[in-house]
């Protein structure tokens, strides 16, 4: 005897600005998105929707917590203070923030692909590509993430819209201006002077465990005539610098400690981190972007395939919202990618135009990363 036939899952979209509720058909659902809405849970969700902002939101029957990620320190504080309240106001969902780094978060998602422990992730460029290739994240569109339309394509096209960077940093060198009165002007000059011991044993660089080091190796090589197919210029220069390294750092927070403690007089780091230290009282520090180009630090936000993916799209949309992005910039000093953010006039000189930043071909970099790690361990750390 056959039991009653189960109805297909129903997904509702609520338009609070006009009080209209409509069913999203299967052609409108993001791939991998499944959810059921009972009459009782629908009514509860509709009652809560009055607090939502004036854009379409999704109402779902499930626990009202979204699990997202953030780097620690100022980053987590800004996410918690500037983005989470707006998101909760719009959706009724609380935000749980998991601190750590891209390698940790990606491993957690890949380790539990059928039941990921995260709903949205801030990733590194290469690891974002990995999650995309393995089908563990969903594609972003202006319909699902309306603020995406105000973001230049260079901040989502590298991942075919399966991630979008809501901010960017630019590489350069921090330096103790009380000790280094003539800072280098270019990457080749920095490496040459560091390799001759001009800065003493007070130079710091990231270790290979740092997610962006393979890109750094490519970038240094490219500024000296190399390429993804010829990384020798970078490794030759780094071998000469090695004796003068006070420490290879594993996290950017560790790099900040080395700078603030004056254990390192000069080193590679992102602009926003140095400016934030300077604004917090480290008046002995300065920062310079070196010629010919700066490496972009992009942090693609991705929606993980879970039963809360619909709400995770709204989280990414909130990360791209101009209002909290401006507060984020004032705290973190990383440049927002949304064109509608209006920056303080006093900050204009610090902001690198997006056209001056570079990133490698990510698929090409992914292919050579194993050899970069092998060479680094043998030639730089060996």
Protein backbone atom coordinates (compact mmCIF):
# COMPACT_ATOMS: atom_id res chain seq x y z
CA UNK A 1 0.00 0.00 0.00
CA UNK A 2 1.41 3.32 -1.02
CA UNK A 3 1.62 6.16 1.50
CA UNK A 4 0.70 9.74 0.71
CA UNK A 5 2.89 11.28 -1.94
CA UNK A 6 5.32 13.88 -0.61
CA UNK A 7 5.02 17.36 -1.99
CA UNK A 8 8.00 18.98 -3.63
CA UNK A 9 9.92 21.38 -1.38
CA UNK A 10 8.59 24.91 -1.56
CA UNK A 11 10.76 27.99 -1.44
CA UNK A 12 9.19 31.37 -0.83
CA UNK A 13 10.49 34.83 -1.61
CA UNK A 14 9.08 37.69 0.47
CA UNK A 15 8.98 41.26 -0.84
CA UNK A 16 8.44 43.22 2.39
CA UNK A 17 8.30 46.61 0.69
CA UNK A 18 5.03 45.65 -0.96
CA UNK A 19 3.83 42.78 1.23
CA UNK A 20 3.89 40.28 -1.63
CA UNK A 21 4.86 36.65 -1.14
CA UNK A 22 5.61 34.47 -4.16
CA UNK A 23 6.79 30.93 -4.78
CA UNK A 24 10.18 30.49 -6.42
CA UNK A 25 9.95 27.76 -9.03
CA UNK A 26 12.64 25.20 -9.62
CA UNK A 27 14.18 27.27 -12.39
CA UNK A 28 14.78 30.15 -9.95
CA UNK A 29 16.36 28.06 -7.22
CA UNK A 30 20.14 28.18 -6.90
CA UNK A 31 21.64 24.79 -7.66
CA UNK A 32 21.99 22.63 -4.58
CA UNK A 33 19.46 24.68 -2.56
CA UNK A 34 16.77 22.62 -0.83
CA UNK A 35 14.38 23.73 1.89
CA UNK A 36 10.90 23.05 3.17
CA UNK A 37 8.52 25.65 4.51
CA UNK A 38 5.51 24.51 6.53
CA UNK A 39 2.49 26.76 7.00
CA UNK A 40 3.43 27.31 10.65
CA UNK A 41 7.06 28.18 9.90
CA UNK A 42 5.97 30.32 6.97
CA UNK A 43 3.68 32.37 9.19
CA UNK A 44 6.42 32.78 11.78
CA UNK A 45 8.87 33.89 9.12
CA UNK A 46 6.37 36.31 7.62
CA UNK A 47 5.82 37.92 11.02
CA UNK A 48 9.56 38.46 11.42
CA UNK A 49 9.92 39.87 7.93
CA UNK A 50 8.62 43.30 8.90
CA UNK A 51 12.10 44.18 10.09
CA UNK A 52 13.71 43.34 6.77
CA UNK A 53 15.20 45.96 4.49
CA UNK A 54 13.68 46.91 1.15
CA UNK A 55 15.00 44.10 -0.98
CA UNK A 56 13.80 40.51 -1.56
CA UNK A 57 14.71 38.12 1.23
CA UNK A 58 14.16 34.43 1.78
CA UNK A 59 12.07 32.97 4.59
CA UNK A 60 13.01 29.50 5.79
CA UNK A 61 12.06 27.03 8.50
CA UNK A 62 15.30 26.25 10.31
CA UNK A 63 17.42 27.52 13.19
CA UNK A 64 18.14 31.19 12.84
CA UNK A 65 21.94 31.21 12.98
CA UNK A 66 24.29 31.69 10.04
CA UNK A 67 27.88 30.49 10.45
CA UNK A 68 30.46 32.68 8.69
CA UNK A 69 34.21 33.24 8.91
CA UNK A 70 36.63 36.03 9.65
CA UNK A 71 40.27 36.62 10.33
CA UNK A 72 40.94 37.46 13.96
CA UNK A 73 41.57 40.76 15.70
CA UNK A 74 40.25 43.92 14.03
CA UNK A 75 38.73 41.88 11.22
CA UNK A 76 36.46 39.89 13.50
CA UNK A 77 35.58 43.00 15.49
CA UNK A 78 34.55 44.83 12.32
CA UNK A 79 32.52 41.90 10.98
CA UNK A 80 30.77 41.59 14.35
CA UNK A 81 30.20 45.32 14.79
CA UNK A 82 29.60 46.66 11.30
CA UNK A 83 28.13 43.85 9.20
CA UNK A 84 26.39 41.39 11.52
CA UNK A 85 23.85 43.86 13.01
CA UNK A 86 22.66 44.99 9.56
CA UNK A 87 22.39 41.38 8.39
CA UNK A 88 20.40 40.38 11.48
CA UNK A 89 18.10 43.36 11.02
CA UNK A 90 17.40 42.34 7.44
CA UNK A 91 16.97 38.62 7.95
CA UNK A 92 16.31 37.89 11.61
CA UNK A 93 19.33 35.56 11.61
CA UNK A 94 22.06 35.76 14.21
CA UNK A 95 25.66 35.51 13.02
CA UNK A 96 28.20 33.07 14.44
CA UNK A 97 31.75 33.98 13.45
CA UNK A 98 34.44 31.30 13.18
CA UNK A 99 37.90 32.83 13.41
CA UNK A 100 40.90 31.31 11.70
CA UNK A 101 42.23 31.33 8.16
CA UNK A 102 41.34 30.18 4.63
CA UNK A 103 43.28 26.89 4.79
CA UNK A 104 41.43 25.85 7.97
CA UNK A 105 38.00 26.81 6.65
CA UNK A 106 38.49 25.21 3.24
CA UNK A 107 39.66 21.99 4.88
CA UNK A 108 36.54 21.96 7.07
CA UNK A 109 34.26 22.39 4.06
CA UNK A 110 36.06 19.80 1.94
CA UNK A 111 36.16 17.39 4.89
CA UNK A 112 32.37 17.42 5.27
CA UNK A 113 31.05 18.08 1.76
CA UNK A 114 27.59 16.65 2.48
CA UNK A 115 27.17 18.66 5.68
CA UNK A 116 29.60 21.61 5.70
CA UNK A 117 30.08 23.30 9.09
CA UNK A 118 30.18 26.77 7.47
CA UNK A 119 27.50 28.62 5.50
CA UNK A 120 29.73 31.31 4.01
CA UNK A 121 33.49 31.64 3.85
CA UNK A 122 36.06 34.39 3.28
CA UNK A 123 38.69 32.60 1.24
CA UNK A 124 42.05 33.07 -0.41
CA UNK A 125 42.24 33.35 -4.19
CA UNK A 126 43.55 29.83 -4.79
CA UNK A 127 41.43 28.04 -2.20
CA UNK A 128 38.32 29.77 -3.52
CA UNK A 129 39.14 28.22 -6.89
CA UNK A 130 39.42 24.82 -5.23
CA UNK A 131 35.97 25.01 -3.63
CA UNK A 132 34.53 26.19 -6.92
CA UNK A 133 36.10 23.33 -8.88
CA UNK A 134 34.79 20.79 -6.37
CA UNK A 135 31.24 22.10 -6.63
CA UNK A 136 31.02 23.08 -2.96
CA UNK A 137 30.01 26.72 -3.46
CA UNK A 138 27.23 28.49 -5.37
CA UNK A 139 27.39 31.08 -8.13
CA UNK A 140 26.63 34.69 -7.27
CA UNK A 141 24.31 36.73 -9.46
CA UNK A 142 22.88 40.28 -9.20
CA UNK A 143 19.46 38.72 -8.60
CA UNK A 144 20.74 36.87 -5.53
CA UNK A 145 23.31 39.49 -4.49
CA UNK A 146 22.00 42.89 -5.68
CA UNK A 147 25.09 44.84 -4.55
CA UNK A 148 27.16 42.78 -6.98
CA UNK A 149 26.11 45.16 -9.76
CA UNK A 150 28.15 47.92 -8.13
CA UNK A 151 31.37 45.89 -7.97
CA UNK A 152 33.89 45.91 -10.86
CA UNK A 153 34.10 42.58 -12.66
CA UNK A 154 37.80 42.13 -11.80
CA UNK A 155 36.72 41.30 -8.24
CA UNK A 156 34.53 38.32 -9.17
CA UNK A 157 35.50 37.20 -12.67
CA UNK A 158 38.63 35.32 -11.47
CA UNK A 159 36.24 32.84 -9.82
CA UNK A 160 33.55 32.91 -12.52
CA UNK A 161 31.23 34.62 -9.98
CA UNK A 162 31.59 31.78 -7.46
CA UNK A 163 33.17 34.33 -5.13
CA UNK A 164 33.51 38.08 -4.84
CA UNK A 165 36.08 40.15 -2.98
CA UNK A 166 34.40 42.90 -0.99
CA UNK A 167 37.73 44.60 -0.25
CA UNK A 168 41.30 44.61 -1.43
CA UNK A 169 44.73 45.31 -0.06
CA UNK A 170 47.93 46.14 -1.91
CA UNK A 171 51.38 44.78 -1.19
CA UNK A 172 54.33 46.93 -0.26
CA UNK A 173 56.91 47.27 2.49
CA UNK A 174 56.53 48.60 5.98
CA UNK A 175 59.64 50.16 7.46
CA UNK A 176 60.89 51.81 10.61
CA UNK A 177 61.47 55.33 9.33
CA UNK A 178 63.71 56.22 12.28
CA UNK A 179 66.22 53.63 11.05
CA UNK A 180 65.57 53.48 7.31
CA UNK A 181 65.61 57.02 5.99
CA UNK A 182 65.79 56.04 2.31
CA UNK A 183 63.20 53.38 1.65
CA UNK A 184 63.42 51.33 -1.56
CA UNK A 185 61.40 52.46 -4.56
CA UNK A 186 61.00 49.15 -6.38
CA UNK A 187 60.81 45.43 -5.66
CA UNK A 188 64.15 44.67 -7.36
CA UNK A 189 65.81 47.43 -5.30
CA UNK A 190 64.29 46.12 -2.06
CA UNK A 191 65.52 42.58 -2.73
CA UNK A 192 68.97 43.72 -3.82
CA UNK A 193 69.52 45.94 -0.78
CA UNK A 194 68.10 43.35 1.62
CA UNK A 195 70.27 40.65 0.03
CA UNK A 196 73.40 42.76 0.58
CA UNK A 197 72.60 43.15 4.27
CA UNK A 198 71.88 46.87 4.07
CA UNK A 199 68.93 46.52 6.47
CA UNK A 200 70.82 44.18 8.81
CA UNK A 201 69.24 40.99 10.09
CA UNK A 202 65.97 42.85 10.53
CA UNK A 203 64.02 41.85 7.44
CA UNK A 204 60.80 39.84 7.56
CA UNK A 205 58.84 37.99 4.90
CA UNK A 206 55.91 35.55 4.96
CA UNK A 207 56.60 31.84 5.18
CA UNK A 208 55.25 29.34 2.66
CA UNK A 209 52.44 28.41 5.08
CA UNK A 210 50.89 31.83 4.48
CA UNK A 211 48.12 31.47 1.89
CA UNK A 212 49.37 34.33 -0.31
CA UNK A 213 53.07 33.38 -0.44
CA UNK A 214 52.85 31.50 -3.77
CA UNK A 215 51.40 34.67 -5.27
CA UNK A 216 54.18 36.71 -3.68
CA UNK A 217 56.80 34.45 -5.30
CA UNK A 218 55.14 34.91 -8.69
CA UNK A 219 54.89 38.66 -8.21
CA UNK A 220 58.53 39.08 -7.25
CA UNK A 221 59.58 36.95 -10.20
CA UNK A 222 57.39 38.98 -12.58
CA UNK A 223 58.98 42.26 -11.45
CA UNK A 224 62.40 40.89 -12.41
CA UNK A 225 61.57 39.44 -15.82
CA UNK A 226 60.23 36.09 -14.65
CA UNK A 227 56.82 34.45 -14.97
CA UNK A 228 54.79 31.48 -13.76
CA UNK A 229 57.00 29.38 -16.04
CA UNK A 230 60.20 30.98 -14.76
CA UNK A 231 60.28 31.64 -11.02
CA UNK A 232 64.09 31.51 -10.84
CA UNK A 233 64.53 35.31 -10.45
CA UNK A 234 62.45 35.28 -7.28
CA UNK A 235 64.16 32.29 -5.71
CA UNK A 236 67.63 33.59 -6.59
CA UNK A 237 66.85 36.89 -4.86
CA UNK A 238 65.19 35.24 -1.86
CA UNK A 239 68.20 32.98 -1.28
CA UNK A 240 70.36 36.10 -0.94
CA UNK A 241 67.90 37.72 1.45
CA UNK A 242 67.56 34.59 3.62
CA UNK A 243 70.58 35.26 5.92
CA UNK A 244 69.10 38.64 6.87
CA UNK A 245 65.61 37.41 7.80
CA UNK A 246 64.81 37.91 11.47
CA UNK A 247 61.79 35.64 11.09
CA UNK A 248 59.52 34.17 8.42
CA UNK A 249 56.01 34.84 9.66
CA UNK A 250 53.07 32.48 9.34
CA UNK A 251 50.22 34.97 9.84
CA UNK A 252 49.84 38.66 9.12
CA UNK A 253 49.08 39.24 12.80
CA UNK A 254 52.54 37.86 13.54
CA UNK A 255 53.97 40.28 10.97
CA UNK A 256 52.28 43.15 12.81
CA UNK A 257 53.85 41.98 16.08
CA UNK A 258 57.30 41.94 14.47
CA UNK A 259 56.79 45.48 13.20
CA UNK A 260 55.36 46.90 16.43
CA UNK A 261 58.00 45.26 18.62
CA UNK A 262 60.69 46.67 16.28
CA UNK A 263 62.12 43.20 15.86
CA UNK A 264 61.83 43.83 12.12
CA UNK A 265 62.82 47.15 10.58
CA UNK A 266 61.46 46.39 7.12
CA UNK A 267 59.29 43.72 5.57
CA UNK A 268 56.61 42.73 3.11
CA UNK A 269 53.00 43.37 4.16
CA UNK A 270 49.61 44.64 3.00
CA UNK A 271 48.92 48.38 3.04
CA UNK A 272 45.78 48.29 5.18
CA UNK A 273 47.52 46.47 8.02
CA UNK A 274 50.36 48.98 8.13
CA UNK A 275 48.07 52.01 7.93
CA UNK A 276 45.97 50.61 10.78
CA UNK A 277 49.09 50.25 12.95
CA UNK A 278 50.16 53.78 12.07
CA UNK A 279 46.74 55.16 12.94
CA UNK A 280 46.82 53.29 16.25
CA UNK A 281 49.93 55.12 17.39
CA UNK A 282 52.92 53.46 15.68
CA UNK A 283 54.30 56.76 14.45
CA UNK A 284 57.73 55.27 13.77
CA UNK A 285 56.27 53.13 10.96
CA UNK A 286 55.72 54.05 7.34
CA UNK A 287 54.52 52.19 4.26
CA UNK A 288 55.45 52.28 0.60
CA UNK A 289 53.99 50.53 -2.42
CA UNK A 290 56.90 49.59 -4.64
CA UNK A 291 57.22 49.77 -8.41
CA UNK A 292 56.35 48.54 -10.94
CA UNK A 293 53.16 46.98 -9.51
CA UNK A 294 51.52 45.88 -6.27
CA UNK A 295 50.09 42.47 -5.63
CA UNK A 296 46.40 42.47 -4.85
CA UNK A 297 45.16 40.90 -1.64
CA UNK A 298 41.69 39.69 -2.56
CA UNK A 299 39.41 37.86 -0.14
CA UNK A 300 36.63 36.22 -2.15
CA UNK A 301 33.47 35.71 -0.11
CA UNK A 302 31.72 32.48 -1.08
CA UNK A 303 28.33 30.91 -0.41
CA UNK A 304 28.73 27.29 0.67
CA UNK A 305 26.19 24.71 -0.48
CA UNK A 306 24.10 24.14 2.65
CA UNK A 307 20.46 24.29 3.66
CA UNK A 308 21.04 27.97 4.50
CA UNK A 309 22.53 29.02 1.19
CA UNK A 310 19.65 31.39 0.50
CA UNK A 311 20.41 33.39 3.64
CA UNK A 312 24.15 33.16 2.92
CA UNK A 313 23.55 35.07 -0.33
CA UNK A 314 22.16 37.89 1.79
CA UNK A 315 25.28 37.72 3.97
CA UNK A 316 27.50 38.27 0.93
CA UNK A 317 25.18 41.06 -0.16
CA UNK A 318 25.65 42.68 3.26
CA UNK A 319 29.43 42.38 2.94
CA UNK A 320 29.11 44.43 -0.27
CA UNK A 321 26.82 47.06 1.27
CA UNK A 322 28.33 50.58 1.06
CA UNK A 323 27.37 51.67 4.61
CA UNK A 324 29.12 48.93 6.65
CA UNK A 325 31.93 48.82 4.08
CA UNK A 326 32.83 52.43 4.88
CA UNK A 327 32.95 51.65 8.60
CA UNK A 328 35.01 48.56 7.78
CA UNK A 329 37.46 50.67 5.77
CA UNK A 330 37.86 53.16 8.61
CA UNK A 331 38.73 50.27 10.94
CA UNK A 332 40.71 47.93 8.67
CA UNK A 333 42.07 50.31 6.00
CA UNK A 334 41.45 47.77 3.24
CA UNK A 335 39.75 49.36 0.24
CA UNK A 336 36.09 48.40 -0.40
CA UNK A 337 35.27 47.22 -3.92
CA UNK A 338 31.76 48.69 -4.10
CA UNK A 339 31.87 51.80 -6.30
CA UNK A 340 29.24 53.53 -4.15
CA UNK A 341 31.46 53.79 -1.07
CA UNK A 342 32.42 57.45 -0.53
CA UNK A 343 35.85 57.67 1.09
CA UNK A 344 37.00 60.40 3.47
CA UNK A 345 39.00 63.00 1.55
CA UNK A 346 41.94 62.59 3.92
CA UNK A 347 42.26 58.92 2.91
CA UNK A 348 42.51 59.51 -0.83
CA UNK A 349 46.31 59.35 -0.97
CA UNK A 350 46.34 55.94 0.70
CA UNK A 351 43.99 54.23 -1.74
CA UNK A 352 45.61 52.38 -4.61
CA UNK A 353 43.51 52.56 -7.80
CA UNK A 354 42.25 49.09 -8.64
CA UNK A 355 43.83 49.38 -12.08
CA UNK A 356 47.31 49.29 -10.50
CA UNK A 357 46.87 45.96 -8.72
CA UNK A 358 47.83 42.60 -10.22
CA UNK A 359 47.10 38.96 -9.54
CA UNK A 360 48.44 35.93 -11.39
CA UNK A 361 46.44 33.61 -13.57
CA UNK A 362 44.93 31.56 -10.76
CA UNK A 363 44.69 28.27 -12.63
CA UNK A 364 48.25 28.67 -13.78
CA UNK A 365 49.35 29.47 -10.24
CA UNK A 366 47.50 26.42 -8.90
CA UNK A 367 49.52 24.20 -11.24
CA UNK A 368 52.89 25.53 -10.10
CA UNK A 369 52.08 25.96 -6.40
CA UNK A 370 53.29 22.43 -5.47
CA UNK A 371 56.66 23.16 -7.06
CA UNK A 372 56.79 26.58 -5.34
CA UNK A 373 56.23 24.89 -1.97
CA UNK A 374 58.86 22.25 -2.76
CA UNK A 375 61.43 24.83 -3.83
CA UNK A 376 60.67 27.08 -0.86
CA UNK A 377 61.18 24.24 1.62
CA UNK A 378 64.40 23.15 -0.09
CA UNK A 379 65.96 26.51 -0.96
CA UNK A 380 64.58 29.02 1.51
CA UNK A 381 63.68 27.01 4.60
CA UNK A 382 66.12 24.16 4.06
